[in-house]
PDB file of N, CA and C in Angstrom:
ATOM      1  N   UNK A   1      -8.970  11.803  34.399  1.00  0.00           N
ATOM      2  CA  UNK A   1      -9.953  12.717  34.973  1.00  0.00           C
ATOM      3  C   UNK A   1      -9.492  14.155  34.763  1.00  0.00           C
ATOM      4  N   UNK A   2     -10.454  15.029  34.469  1.00  0.00           N
ATOM      5  CA  UNK A   2     -10.147  16.438  34.260  1.00  0.00           C
ATOM      6  C   UNK A   2     -10.878  17.266  35.291  1.00  0.00           C
ATOM      7  N   UNK A   3     -10.215  18.313  35.735  1.00  0.00           N
ATOM      8  CA  UNK A   3     -10.827  19.228  36.702  1.00  0.00           C
ATOM      9  C   UNK A   3     -10.718  20.654  36.209  1.00  0.00           C
ATOM     10  N   UNK A   4     -11.745  21.433  36.524  1.00  0.00           N
ATOM     11  CA  UNK A   4     -11.762  22.842  36.167  1.00  0.00           C
ATOM     12  C   UNK A   4     -11.902  23.662  37.442  1.00  0.00           C
ATOM     13  N   UNK A   5     -11.003  24.617  37.629  1.00  0.00           N
ATOM     14  CA  UNK A   5     -11.049  25.471  38.802  1.00  0.00           C
ATOM     15  C   UNK A   5     -11.140  26.923  38.343  1.00  0.00           C
ATOM     16  N   UNK A   6     -12.289  27.523  38.615  1.00  0.00           N
ATOM     17  CA  UNK A   6     -12.539  28.885  38.185  1.00  0.00           C
ATOM     18  C   UNK A   6     -12.316  29.873  39.338  1.00  0.00           C
ATOM     19  N   UNK A   7     -11.881  31.060  39.015  1.00  0.00           N
ATOM     20  CA  UNK A   7     -11.677  32.095  40.017  1.00  0.00           C
ATOM     21  C   UNK A   7     -11.787  33.455  39.363  1.00  0.00           C
ATOM     22  N   UNK A   8     -11.822  34.498  40.195  1.00  0.00           N
ATOM     23  CA  UNK A   8     -11.814  35.859  39.701  1.00  0.00           C
ATOM     24  C   UNK A   8     -13.144  36.579  39.782  1.00  0.00           C
ATOM     25  N   UNK A   9     -14.194  35.884  40.202  1.00  0.00           N
ATOM     26  CA  UNK A   9     -15.482  36.532  40.323  1.00  0.00           C
ATOM     27  C   UNK A   9     -15.538  37.477  41.506  1.00  0.00           C
ATOM     28  N   UNK A  10     -16.677  38.139  41.638  1.00  0.00           N
ATOM     29  CA  UNK A  10     -16.857  39.053  42.750  1.00  0.00           C
ATOM     30  C   UNK A  10     -18.026  39.989  42.537  1.00  0.00           C
ATOM     31  N   UNK A  11     -18.114  40.962  43.389  1.00  0.00           N
ATOM     32  CA  UNK A  11     -19.156  41.978  43.311  1.00  0.00           C
ATOM     33  C   UNK A  11     -18.564  43.210  42.633  1.00  0.00           C
ATOM     34  N   UNK A  12     -19.249  43.683  41.612  1.00  0.00           N
ATOM     35  CA  UNK A  12     -18.784  44.841  40.846  1.00  0.00           C
ATOM     36  C   UNK A  12     -19.975  45.716  40.494  1.00  0.00           C
ATOM     37  N   UNK A  13     -19.733  46.994  40.393  1.00  0.00           N
ATOM     38  CA  UNK A  13     -20.798  47.905  39.985  1.00  0.00           C
ATOM     39  C   UNK A  13     -21.042  47.850  38.500  1.00  0.00           C
ATOM     40  N   UNK A  14     -22.222  48.197  38.074  1.00  0.00           N
ATOM     41  CA  UNK A  14     -22.486  48.265  36.629  1.00  0.00           C
ATOM     42  C   UNK A  14     -21.453  49.150  35.941  1.00  0.00           C
ATOM     43  N   UNK A  15     -20.981  48.666  34.798  1.00  0.00           N
ATOM     44  CA  UNK A  15     -19.936  49.382  34.083  1.00  0.00           C
ATOM     45  C   UNK A  15     -18.531  48.942  34.455  1.00  0.00           C
ATOM     46  N   UNK A  16     -18.414  48.136  35.496  1.00  0.00           N
ATOM     47  CA  UNK A  16     -17.117  47.681  35.956  1.00  0.00           C
ATOM     48  C   UNK A  16     -16.583  46.524  35.120  1.00  0.00           C
ATOM     49  N   UNK A  17     -15.432  46.005  35.568  1.00  0.00           N
ATOM     50  CA  UNK A  17     -14.760  44.954  34.833  1.00  0.00           C
ATOM     51  C   UNK A  17     -14.223  43.859  35.781  1.00  0.00           C
ATOM     52  N   UNK A  18     -14.166  42.665  35.281  1.00  0.00           N
ATOM     53  CA  UNK A  18     -13.565  41.529  35.979  1.00  0.00           C
ATOM     54  C   UNK A  18     -12.847  40.650  34.977  1.00  0.00           C
ATOM     55  N   UNK A  19     -11.840  39.938  35.457  1.00  0.00           N
ATOM     56  CA  UNK A  19     -11.201  38.918  34.633  1.00  0.00           C
ATOM     57  C   UNK A  19     -11.305  37.568  35.335  1.00  0.00           C
ATOM     58  N   UNK A  20     -11.936  36.627  34.682  1.00  0.00           N
ATOM     59  CA  UNK A  20     -12.072  35.276  35.223  1.00  0.00           C
ATOM     60  C   UNK A  20     -10.943  34.407  34.712  1.00  0.00           C
ATOM     61  N   UNK A  21     -10.506  33.485  35.559  1.00  0.00           N
ATOM     62  CA  UNK A  21      -9.443  32.555  35.214  1.00  0.00           C
ATOM     63  C   UNK A  21      -9.908  31.131  35.464  1.00  0.00           C
ATOM     64  N   UNK A  22      -9.553  30.239  34.575  1.00  0.00           N
ATOM     65  CA  UNK A  22      -9.865  28.827  34.709  1.00  0.00           C
ATOM     66  C   UNK A  22      -8.592  28.020  34.551  1.00  0.00           C
ATOM     67  N   UNK A  23      -8.291  27.193  35.529  1.00  0.00           N
ATOM     68  CA  UNK A  23      -7.144  26.294  35.462  1.00  0.00           C
ATOM     69  C   UNK A  23      -7.671  24.882  35.187  1.00  0.00           C
ATOM     70  N   UNK A  24      -7.141  24.252  34.166  1.00  0.00           N
ATOM     71  CA  UNK A  24      -7.544  22.894  33.789  1.00  0.00           C
ATOM     72  C   UNK A  24      -6.440  21.928  34.199  1.00  0.00           C
ATOM     73  N   UNK A  25      -6.816  20.899  34.932  1.00  0.00           N
ATOM     74  CA  UNK A  25      -5.822  19.946  35.373  1.00  0.00           C
ATOM     75  C   UNK A  25      -6.281  18.519  35.108  1.00  0.00           C
ATOM     76  N   UNK A  26      -5.335  17.618  35.095  1.00  0.00           N
ATOM     77  CA  UNK A  26      -5.658  16.194  35.008  1.00  0.00           C
ATOM     78  C   UNK A  26      -5.892  15.690  33.604  1.00  0.00           C
ATOM     79  N   UNK A  27      -5.623  16.512  32.603  1.00  0.00           N
ATOM     80  CA  UNK A  27      -5.902  16.055  31.241  1.00  0.00           C
ATOM     81  C   UNK A  27      -5.084  16.884  30.264  1.00  0.00           C
ATOM     82  N   UNK A  28      -4.926  16.337  29.077  1.00  0.00           N
ATOM     83  CA  UNK A  28      -4.342  17.155  28.025  1.00  0.00           C
ATOM     84  C   UNK A  28      -5.286  18.283  27.690  1.00  0.00           C
ATOM     85  N   UNK A  29      -4.748  19.374  27.243  1.00  0.00           N
ATOM     86  CA  UNK A  29      -5.531  20.611  27.085  1.00  0.00           C
ATOM     87  C   UNK A  29      -5.620  21.049  25.655  1.00  0.00           C
ATOM     88  N   UNK A  30      -4.508  20.998  24.954  1.00  0.00           N
ATOM     89  CA  UNK A  30      -4.397  21.616  23.641  1.00  0.00           C
ATOM     90  C   UNK A  30      -5.434  21.159  22.619  1.00  0.00           C
ATOM     91  N   UNK A  31      -5.811  19.847  22.597  1.00  0.00           N
ATOM     92  CA  UNK A  31      -6.716  19.416  21.521  1.00  0.00           C
ATOM     93  C   UNK A  31      -8.170  19.844  21.706  1.00  0.00           C
ATOM     94  N   UNK A  32      -8.507  20.467  22.787  1.00  0.00           N
ATOM     95  CA  UNK A  32      -9.915  20.765  23.059  1.00  0.00           C
ATOM     96  C   UNK A  32     -10.245  22.234  22.910  1.00  0.00           C
ATOM     97  N   UNK A  33     -11.411  22.464  22.257  1.00  0.00           N
ATOM     98  CA  UNK A  33     -11.977  23.783  22.364  1.00  0.00           C
ATOM     99  C   UNK A  33     -12.471  24.017  23.781  1.00  0.00           C
ATOM    100  N   UNK A  34     -12.502  25.270  24.190  1.00  0.00           N
ATOM    101  CA  UNK A  34     -12.935  25.599  25.555  1.00  0.00           C
ATOM    102  C   UNK A  34     -14.015  26.674  25.515  1.00  0.00           C
ATOM    103  N   UNK A  35     -14.790  26.717  26.565  1.00  0.00           N
ATOM    104  CA  UNK A  35     -15.841  27.715  26.639  1.00  0.00           C
ATOM    105  C   UNK A  35     -16.051  28.212  28.058  1.00  0.00           C
ATOM    106  N   UNK A  36     -16.585  29.407  28.147  1.00  0.00           N
ATOM    107  CA  UNK A  36     -17.100  29.934  29.410  1.00  0.00           C
ATOM    108  C   UNK A  36     -18.618  29.885  29.336  1.00  0.00           C
ATOM    109  N   UNK A  37     -19.213  29.322  30.376  1.00  0.00           N
ATOM    110  CA  UNK A  37     -20.631  29.183  30.476  1.00  0.00           C
ATOM    111  C   UNK A  37     -21.088  29.955  31.723  1.00  0.00           C
ATOM    112  N   UNK A  38     -22.354  30.316  31.756  1.00  0.00           N
ATOM    113  CA  UNK A  38     -22.879  30.940  32.966  1.00  0.00           C
ATOM    114  C   UNK A  38     -24.302  30.467  33.228  1.00  0.00           C
ATOM    115  N   UNK A  39     -24.649  30.487  34.513  1.00  0.00           N
ATOM    116  CA  UNK A  39     -25.983  30.093  34.939  1.00  0.00           C
ATOM    117  C   UNK A  39     -26.490  31.078  35.968  1.00  0.00           C
ATOM    118  N   UNK A  40     -27.544  31.789  35.590  1.00  0.00           N
ATOM    119  CA  UNK A  40     -28.182  32.740  36.502  1.00  0.00           C
ATOM    120  C   UNK A  40     -29.278  32.001  37.268  1.00  0.00           C
ATOM    121  N   UNK A  41     -29.660  32.534  38.442  1.00  0.00           N
ATOM    122  CA  UNK A  41     -30.709  31.882  39.232  1.00  0.00           C
ATOM    123  C   UNK A  41     -31.972  31.672  38.430  1.00  0.00           C
ATOM    124  N   UNK A  42     -32.488  30.461  38.452  1.00  0.00           N
ATOM    125  CA  UNK A  42     -33.722  30.159  37.758  1.00  0.00           C
ATOM    126  C   UNK A  42     -33.623  30.012  36.254  1.00  0.00           C
ATOM    127  N   UNK A  43     -32.397  30.052  35.727  1.00  0.00           N
ATOM    128  CA  UNK A  43     -32.202  29.953  34.283  1.00  0.00           C
ATOM    129  C   UNK A  43     -31.291  28.783  33.947  1.00  0.00           C
ATOM    130  N   UNK A  44     -31.372  28.349  32.713  1.00  0.00           N
ATOM    131  CA  UNK A  44     -30.489  27.284  32.256  1.00  0.00           C
ATOM    132  C   UNK A  44     -29.083  27.824  32.007  1.00  0.00           C
ATOM    133  N   UNK A  45     -28.120  26.926  32.101  1.00  0.00           N
ATOM    134  CA  UNK A  45     -26.738  27.294  31.784  1.00  0.00           C
ATOM    135  C   UNK A  45     -26.633  27.658  30.310  1.00  0.00           C
ATOM    136  N   UNK A  46     -25.919  28.723  30.015  1.00  0.00           N
ATOM    137  CA  UNK A  46     -25.738  29.122  28.625  1.00  0.00           C
ATOM    138  C   UNK A  46     -24.244  29.310  28.327  1.00  0.00           C
ATOM    139  N   UNK A  47     -23.909  29.053  27.083  1.00  0.00           N
ATOM    140  CA  UNK A  47     -22.542  29.273  26.616  1.00  0.00           C
ATOM    141  C   UNK A  47     -22.384  30.764  26.331  1.00  0.00           C
ATOM    142  N   UNK A  48     -21.386  31.372  26.934  1.00  0.00           N
ATOM    143  CA  UNK A  48     -21.160  32.796  26.783  1.00  0.00           C
ATOM    144  C   UNK A  48     -20.092  33.089  25.718  1.00  0.00           C
ATOM    145  N   UNK A  49     -19.012  32.316  25.785  1.00  0.00           N
ATOM    146  CA  UNK A  49     -17.890  32.547  24.872  1.00  0.00           C
ATOM    147  C   UNK A  49     -17.170  31.242  24.654  1.00  0.00           C
ATOM    148  N   UNK A  50     -16.621  31.069  23.473  1.00  0.00           N
ATOM    149  CA  UNK A  50     -15.868  29.850  23.178  1.00  0.00           C
ATOM    150  C   UNK A  50     -14.609  30.190  22.386  1.00  0.00           C
ATOM    151  N   UNK A  51     -13.645  29.285  22.481  1.00  0.00           N
ATOM    152  CA  UNK A  51     -12.389  29.466  21.752  1.00  0.00           C
ATOM    153  C   UNK A  51     -11.924  28.112  21.275  1.00  0.00           C
ATOM    154  N   UNK A  52     -11.568  28.035  20.005  1.00  0.00           N
ATOM    155  CA  UNK A  52     -11.131  26.778  19.434  1.00  0.00           C
ATOM    156  C   UNK A  52      -9.654  26.532  19.759  1.00  0.00           C
ATOM    157  N   UNK A  53      -9.181  25.357  19.355  1.00  0.00           N
ATOM    158  CA  UNK A  53      -7.777  25.040  19.563  1.00  0.00           C
ATOM    159  C   UNK A  53      -6.880  25.999  18.779  1.00  0.00           C
ATOM    160  N   UNK A  54      -7.398  26.525  17.696  1.00  0.00           N
ATOM    161  CA  UNK A  54      -6.625  27.450  16.878  1.00  0.00           C
ATOM    162  C   UNK A  54      -6.775  28.907  17.274  1.00  0.00           C
ATOM    163  N   UNK A  55      -7.608  29.157  18.283  1.00  0.00           N
ATOM    164  CA  UNK A  55      -7.742  30.522  18.772  1.00  0.00           C
ATOM    165  C   UNK A  55      -8.920  31.295  18.202  1.00  0.00           C
ATOM    166  N   UNK A  56      -9.743  30.659  17.396  1.00  0.00           N
ATOM    167  CA  UNK A  56     -10.950  31.333  16.897  1.00  0.00           C
ATOM    168  C   UNK A  56     -11.978  31.450  18.016  1.00  0.00           C
ATOM    169  N   UNK A  57     -12.599  32.607  18.103  1.00  0.00           N
ATOM    170  CA  UNK A  57     -13.522  32.878  19.212  1.00  0.00           C
ATOM    171  C   UNK A  57     -14.934  33.132  18.719  1.00  0.00           C
ATOM    172  N   UNK A  58     -15.881  32.905  19.628  1.00  0.00           N
ATOM    173  CA  UNK A  58     -17.280  33.157  19.319  1.00  0.00           C
ATOM    174  C   UNK A  58     -17.956  33.589  20.607  1.00  0.00           C
ATOM    175  N   UNK A  59     -18.953  34.471  20.486  1.00  0.00           N
ATOM    176  CA  UNK A  59     -19.623  35.020  21.655  1.00  0.00           C
ATOM    177  C   UNK A  59     -21.125  35.045  21.464  1.00  0.00           C
ATOM    178  N   UNK A  60     -21.840  34.900  22.540  1.00  0.00           N
ATOM    179  CA  UNK A  60     -23.267  35.116  22.504  1.00  0.00           C
ATOM    180  C   UNK A  60     -23.516  36.614  22.273  1.00  0.00           C
ATOM    181  N   UNK A  61     -24.588  36.938  21.585  1.00  0.00           N
ATOM    182  CA  UNK A  61     -24.813  38.320  21.179  1.00  0.00           C
ATOM    183  C   UNK A  61     -24.804  39.299  22.354  1.00  0.00           C
ATOM    184  N   UNK A  62     -25.297  38.853  23.490  1.00  0.00           N
ATOM    185  CA  UNK A  62     -25.440  39.787  24.629  1.00  0.00           C
ATOM    186  C   UNK A  62     -24.093  40.246  25.206  1.00  0.00           C
ATOM    187  N   UNK A  63     -22.983  39.574  24.872  1.00  0.00           N
ATOM    188  CA  UNK A  63     -21.686  39.977  25.422  1.00  0.00           C
ATOM    189  C   UNK A  63     -20.708  40.421  24.349  1.00  0.00           C
ATOM    190  N   UNK A  64     -21.108  40.354  23.121  1.00  0.00           N
ATOM    191  CA  UNK A  64     -20.194  40.775  22.042  1.00  0.00           C
ATOM    192  C   UNK A  64     -19.740  42.211  22.234  1.00  0.00           C
ATOM    193  N   UNK A  65     -18.454  42.410  22.082  1.00  0.00           N
ATOM    194  CA  UNK A  65     -17.885  43.742  22.250  1.00  0.00           C
ATOM    195  C   UNK A  65     -17.530  44.085  23.678  1.00  0.00           C
ATOM    196  N   UNK A  66     -17.970  43.242  24.619  1.00  0.00           N
ATOM    197  CA  UNK A  66     -17.702  43.506  26.030  1.00  0.00           C
ATOM    198  C   UNK A  66     -16.799  42.439  26.657  1.00  0.00           C
ATOM    199  N   UNK A  67     -16.934  41.192  26.235  1.00  0.00           N
ATOM    200  CA  UNK A  67     -16.177  40.074  26.798  1.00  0.00           C
ATOM    201  C   UNK A  67     -15.140  39.606  25.792  1.00  0.00           C
ATOM    202  N   UNK A  68     -14.012  39.128  26.316  1.00  0.00           N
ATOM    203  CA  UNK A  68     -12.963  38.557  25.487  1.00  0.00           C
ATOM    204  C   UNK A  68     -12.443  37.276  26.118  1.00  0.00           C
ATOM    205  N   UNK A  69     -12.506  36.191  25.362  1.00  0.00           N
ATOM    206  CA  UNK A  69     -11.982  34.910  25.829  1.00  0.00           C
ATOM    207  C   UNK A  69     -10.603  34.677  25.239  1.00  0.00           C
ATOM    208  N   UNK A  70      -9.736  34.066  26.031  1.00  0.00           N
ATOM    209  CA  UNK A  70      -8.395  33.739  25.560  1.00  0.00           C
ATOM    210  C   UNK A  70      -7.920  32.474  26.280  1.00  0.00           C
ATOM    211  N   UNK A  71      -6.831  31.915  25.765  1.00  0.00           N
ATOM    212  CA  UNK A  71      -6.326  30.681  26.361  1.00  0.00           C
ATOM    213  C   UNK A  71      -4.804  30.667  26.302  1.00  0.00           C
ATOM    214  N   UNK A  72      -4.230  29.937  27.250  1.00  0.00           N
ATOM    215  CA  UNK A  72      -2.781  29.729  27.300  1.00  0.00           C
ATOM    216  C   UNK A  72      -2.570  28.217  27.331  1.00  0.00           C
ATOM    217  N   UNK A  73      -2.211  27.653  26.187  1.00  0.00           N
ATOM    218  CA  UNK A  73      -2.096  26.197  26.089  1.00  0.00           C
ATOM    219  C   UNK A  73      -0.948  25.662  26.954  1.00  0.00           C
ATOM    220  N   UNK A  74       0.098  26.450  27.142  1.00  0.00           N
ATOM    221  CA  UNK A  74       1.218  25.981  27.956  1.00  0.00           C
ATOM    222  C   UNK A  74       0.831  25.900  29.406  1.00  0.00           C
ATOM    223  N   UNK A  75       0.105  26.898  29.887  1.00  0.00           N
ATOM    224  CA  UNK A  75      -0.312  26.918  31.305  1.00  0.00           C
ATOM    225  C   UNK A  75      -1.612  26.152  31.528  1.00  0.00           C
ATOM    226  N   UNK A  76      -2.298  25.732  30.455  1.00  0.00           N
ATOM    227  CA  UNK A  76      -3.579  25.048  30.562  1.00  0.00           C
ATOM    228  C   UNK A  76      -4.580  25.935  31.288  1.00  0.00           C
ATOM    229  N   UNK A  77      -4.688  27.150  30.830  1.00  0.00           N
ATOM    230  CA  UNK A  77      -5.605  28.119  31.450  1.00  0.00           C
ATOM    231  C   UNK A  77      -6.447  28.806  30.395  1.00  0.00           C
ATOM    232  N   UNK A  78      -7.635  29.202  30.826  1.00  0.00           N
ATOM    233  CA  UNK A  78      -8.562  29.937  29.979  1.00  0.00           C
ATOM    234  C   UNK A  78      -8.989  31.189  30.742  1.00  0.00           C
ATOM    235  N   UNK A  79      -9.127  32.282  30.029  1.00  0.00           N
ATOM    236  CA  UNK A  79      -9.459  33.555  30.653  1.00  0.00           C
ATOM    237  C   UNK A  79     -10.731  34.132  30.033  1.00  0.00           C
ATOM    238  N   UNK A  80     -11.434  34.942  30.824  1.00  0.00           N
ATOM    239  CA  UNK A  80     -12.560  35.700  30.304  1.00  0.00           C
ATOM    240  C   UNK A  80     -12.446  37.122  30.855  1.00  0.00           C
ATOM    241  N   UNK A  81     -12.088  38.044  29.967  1.00  0.00           N
ATOM    242  CA  UNK A  81     -12.049  39.451  30.335  1.00  0.00           C
ATOM    243  C   UNK A  81     -13.435  40.022  30.105  1.00  0.00           C
ATOM    244  N   UNK A  82     -14.025  40.592  31.168  1.00  0.00           N
ATOM    245  CA  UNK A  82     -15.388  41.103  31.084  1.00  0.00           C
ATOM    246  C   UNK A  82     -15.367  42.599  31.378  1.00  0.00           C
ATOM    247  N   UNK A  83     -15.791  43.382  30.426  1.00  0.00           N
ATOM    248  CA  UNK A  83     -15.846  44.846  30.572  1.00  0.00           C
ATOM    249  C   UNK A  83     -17.295  45.316  30.465  1.00  0.00           C
ATOM    250  N   UNK A  84     -17.524  46.524  30.909  1.00  0.00           N
ATOM    251  CA  UNK A  84     -18.860  47.147  30.811  1.00  0.00           C
ATOM    252  C   UNK A  84     -19.934  46.218  31.357  1.00  0.00           C
ATOM    253  N   UNK A  85     -19.708  45.674  32.512  1.00  0.00           N
ATOM    254  CA  UNK A  85     -20.619  44.687  33.066  1.00  0.00           C
ATOM    255  C   UNK A  85     -21.982  45.273  33.366  1.00  0.00           C
ATOM    256  N   UNK A  86     -23.008  44.452  33.185  1.00  0.00           N
ATOM    257  CA  UNK A  86     -24.393  44.831  33.393  1.00  0.00           C
ATOM    258  C   UNK A  86     -25.007  43.929  34.458  1.00  0.00           C
ATOM    259  N   UNK A  87     -26.075  44.392  35.107  1.00  0.00           N
ATOM    260  CA  UNK A  87     -26.731  43.525  36.106  1.00  0.00           C
ATOM    261  C   UNK A  87     -27.150  42.173  35.540  1.00  0.00           C
ATOM    262  N   UNK A  88     -27.519  42.123  34.283  1.00  0.00           N
ATOM    263  CA  UNK A  88     -27.928  40.857  33.663  1.00  0.00           C
ATOM    264  C   UNK A  88     -26.774  39.896  33.426  1.00  0.00           C
ATOM    265  N   UNK A  89     -25.542  40.338  33.678  1.00  0.00           N
ATOM    266  CA  UNK A  89     -24.396  39.437  33.622  1.00  0.00           C
ATOM    267  C   UNK A  89     -24.226  38.653  34.925  1.00  0.00           C
ATOM    268  N   UNK A  90     -25.002  38.975  35.927  1.00  0.00           N
ATOM    269  CA  UNK A  90     -24.930  38.284  37.211  1.00  0.00           C
ATOM    270  C   UNK A  90     -25.249  36.804  37.045  1.00  0.00           C
ATOM    271  N   UNK A  91     -24.317  35.948  37.465  1.00  0.00           N
ATOM    272  CA  UNK A  91     -24.455  34.511  37.293  1.00  0.00           C
ATOM    273  C   UNK A  91     -23.254  33.811  37.914  1.00  0.00           C
ATOM    274  N   UNK A  92     -23.347  32.500  38.000  1.00  0.00           N
ATOM    275  CA  UNK A  92     -22.172  31.685  38.308  1.00  0.00           C
ATOM    276  C   UNK A  92     -21.534  31.319  36.969  1.00  0.00           C
ATOM    277  N   UNK A  93     -20.248  31.578  36.859  1.00  0.00           N
ATOM    278  CA  UNK A  93     -19.519  31.342  35.609  1.00  0.00           C
ATOM    279  C   UNK A  93     -18.662  30.089  35.737  1.00  0.00           C
ATOM    280  N   UNK A  94     -18.741  29.232  34.721  1.00  0.00           N
ATOM    281  CA  UNK A  94     -17.985  27.995  34.680  1.00  0.00           C
ATOM    282  C   UNK A  94     -17.185  27.931  33.388  1.00  0.00           C
ATOM    283  N   UNK A  95     -16.051  27.246  33.422  1.00  0.00           N
ATOM    284  CA  UNK A  95     -15.402  26.899  32.175  1.00  0.00           C
ATOM    285  C   UNK A  95     -15.505  25.399  31.973  1.00  0.00           C
ATOM    286  N   UNK A  96     -15.439  24.999  30.744  1.00  0.00           N
ATOM    287  CA  UNK A  96     -15.481  23.581  30.392  1.00  0.00           C
ATOM    288  C   UNK A  96     -15.120  23.452  28.916  1.00  0.00           C
ATOM    289  N   UNK A  97     -14.970  22.222  28.483  1.00  0.00           N
ATOM    290  CA  UNK A  97     -14.692  21.981  27.078  1.00  0.00           C
ATOM    291  C   UNK A  97     -15.883  22.443  26.237  1.00  0.00           C
ATOM    292  N   UNK A  98     -15.590  22.711  25.009  1.00  0.00           N
ATOM    293  CA  UNK A  98     -16.619  23.133  24.061  1.00  0.00           C
ATOM    294  C   UNK A  98     -16.229  22.588  22.682  1.00  0.00           C
ATOM    295  N   UNK A  99     -17.166  22.021  21.910  1.00  0.00           N
ATOM    296  CA  UNK A  99     -18.607  22.098  22.142  1.00  0.00           C
ATOM    297  C   UNK A  99     -19.166  21.038  23.082  1.00  0.00           C
ATOM    298  N   UNK A 100     -18.415  20.024  23.415  1.00  0.00           N
ATOM    299  CA  UNK A 100     -18.953  18.971  24.281  1.00  0.00           C
ATOM    300  C   UNK A 100     -18.303  19.077  25.655  1.00  0.00           C
ATOM    301  N   UNK A 101     -19.054  19.468  26.688  1.00  0.00           N
ATOM    302  CA  UNK A 101     -18.463  19.523  28.028  1.00  0.00           C
ATOM    303  C   UNK A 101     -17.929  18.181  28.473  1.00  0.00           C
ATOM    304  N   UNK A 102     -16.949  18.225  29.344  1.00  0.00           N
ATOM    305  CA  UNK A 102     -16.311  17.016  29.811  1.00  0.00           C
ATOM    306  C   UNK A 102     -17.301  16.086  30.515  1.00  0.00           C
ATOM    307  N   UNK A 103     -17.113  14.795  30.292  1.00  0.00           N
ATOM    308  CA  UNK A 103     -17.939  13.788  30.965  1.00  0.00           C
ATOM    309  C   UNK A 103     -17.652  13.734  32.460  1.00  0.00           C
ATOM    310  N   UNK A 104     -16.540  14.314  32.879  1.00  0.00           N
ATOM    311  CA  UNK A 104     -16.206  14.332  34.304  1.00  0.00           C
ATOM    312  C   UNK A 104     -16.943  15.445  35.055  1.00  0.00           C
ATOM    313  N   UNK A 105     -17.711  16.241  34.339  1.00  0.00           N
ATOM    314  CA  UNK A 105     -18.557  17.214  35.011  1.00  0.00           C
ATOM    315  C   UNK A 105     -17.986  18.609  35.042  1.00  0.00           C
ATOM    316  N   UNK A 106     -18.426  19.368  36.022  1.00  0.00           N
ATOM    317  CA  UNK A 106     -18.153  20.782  36.100  1.00  0.00           C
ATOM    318  C   UNK A 106     -17.436  21.140  37.407  1.00  0.00           C
ATOM    319  N   UNK A 107     -16.719  22.241  37.368  1.00  0.00           N
ATOM    320  CA  UNK A 107     -16.136  22.762  38.586  1.00  0.00           C
ATOM    321  C   UNK A 107     -17.179  23.523  39.383  1.00  0.00           C
ATOM    322  N   UNK A 108     -16.736  24.160  40.467  1.00  0.00           N
ATOM    323  CA  UNK A 108     -17.670  24.885  41.307  1.00  0.00           C
ATOM    324  C   UNK A 108     -18.079  26.231  40.726  1.00  0.00           C
ATOM    325  N   UNK A 109     -17.319  26.717  39.803  1.00  0.00           N
ATOM    326  CA  UNK A 109     -17.653  27.997  39.212  1.00  0.00           C
ATOM    327  C   UNK A 109     -17.231  29.163  40.080  1.00  0.00           C
ATOM    328  N   UNK A 110     -17.430  30.360  39.543  1.00  0.00           N
ATOM    329  CA  UNK A 110     -17.121  31.566  40.286  1.00  0.00           C
ATOM    330  C   UNK A 110     -18.277  32.540  40.118  1.00  0.00           C
ATOM    331  N   UNK A 111     -18.721  33.104  41.235  1.00  0.00           N
ATOM    332  CA  UNK A 111     -19.904  33.973  41.245  1.00  0.00           C
ATOM    333  C   UNK A 111     -19.524  35.376  40.797  1.00  0.00           C
ATOM    334  N   UNK A 112     -20.285  35.879  39.835  1.00  0.00           N
ATOM    335  CA  UNK A 112     -20.166  37.264  39.409  1.00  0.00           C
ATOM    336  C   UNK A 112     -21.479  37.958  39.722  1.00  0.00           C
ATOM    337  N   UNK A 113     -21.397  39.037  40.491  1.00  0.00           N
ATOM    338  CA  UNK A 113     -22.575  39.814  40.843  1.00  0.00           C
ATOM    339  C   UNK A 113     -22.343  41.255  40.426  1.00  0.00           C
ATOM    340  N   UNK A 114     -23.242  41.747  39.594  1.00  0.00           N
ATOM    341  CA  UNK A 114     -23.149  43.124  39.107  1.00  0.00           C
ATOM    342  C   UNK A 114     -24.298  43.898  39.717  1.00  0.00           C
ATOM    343  N   UNK A 115     -23.984  44.796  40.613  1.00  0.00           N
ATOM    344  CA  UNK A 115     -25.019  45.521  41.338  1.00  0.00           C
ATOM    345  C   UNK A 115     -24.450  46.808  41.903  1.00  0.00           C
ATOM    346  N   UNK A 116     -25.321  47.801  41.979  1.00  0.00           N
ATOM    347  CA  UNK A 116     -24.910  49.069  42.585  1.00  0.00           C
ATOM    348  C   UNK A 116     -25.290  49.096  44.063  1.00  0.00           C
TER     349      UNK A 116
END
């Protein structure tokens, strides 16, 4: 069984920054690509950023140049550095495997609210 525990969210003003952290437990980590996903109220969950086992990254167009995903295979952690935050970034952020999310489901996520 694998578990994902996300943290680091909060309330921030437009233009601010946050760093999200995801701890992966209960499973091997290194062989899997990982991703940060987000779900805003009334919208479907979308993949925001992904990172392969080799460290190659990809981003949805709306966050390119503002968000940076990284991973620490030894600590089994994934990070999302978010800069220049906008109100439209408001969502619950989750981490999970990518491209295929874990069959064990999702963690609780961490709420990011961008508002003045």
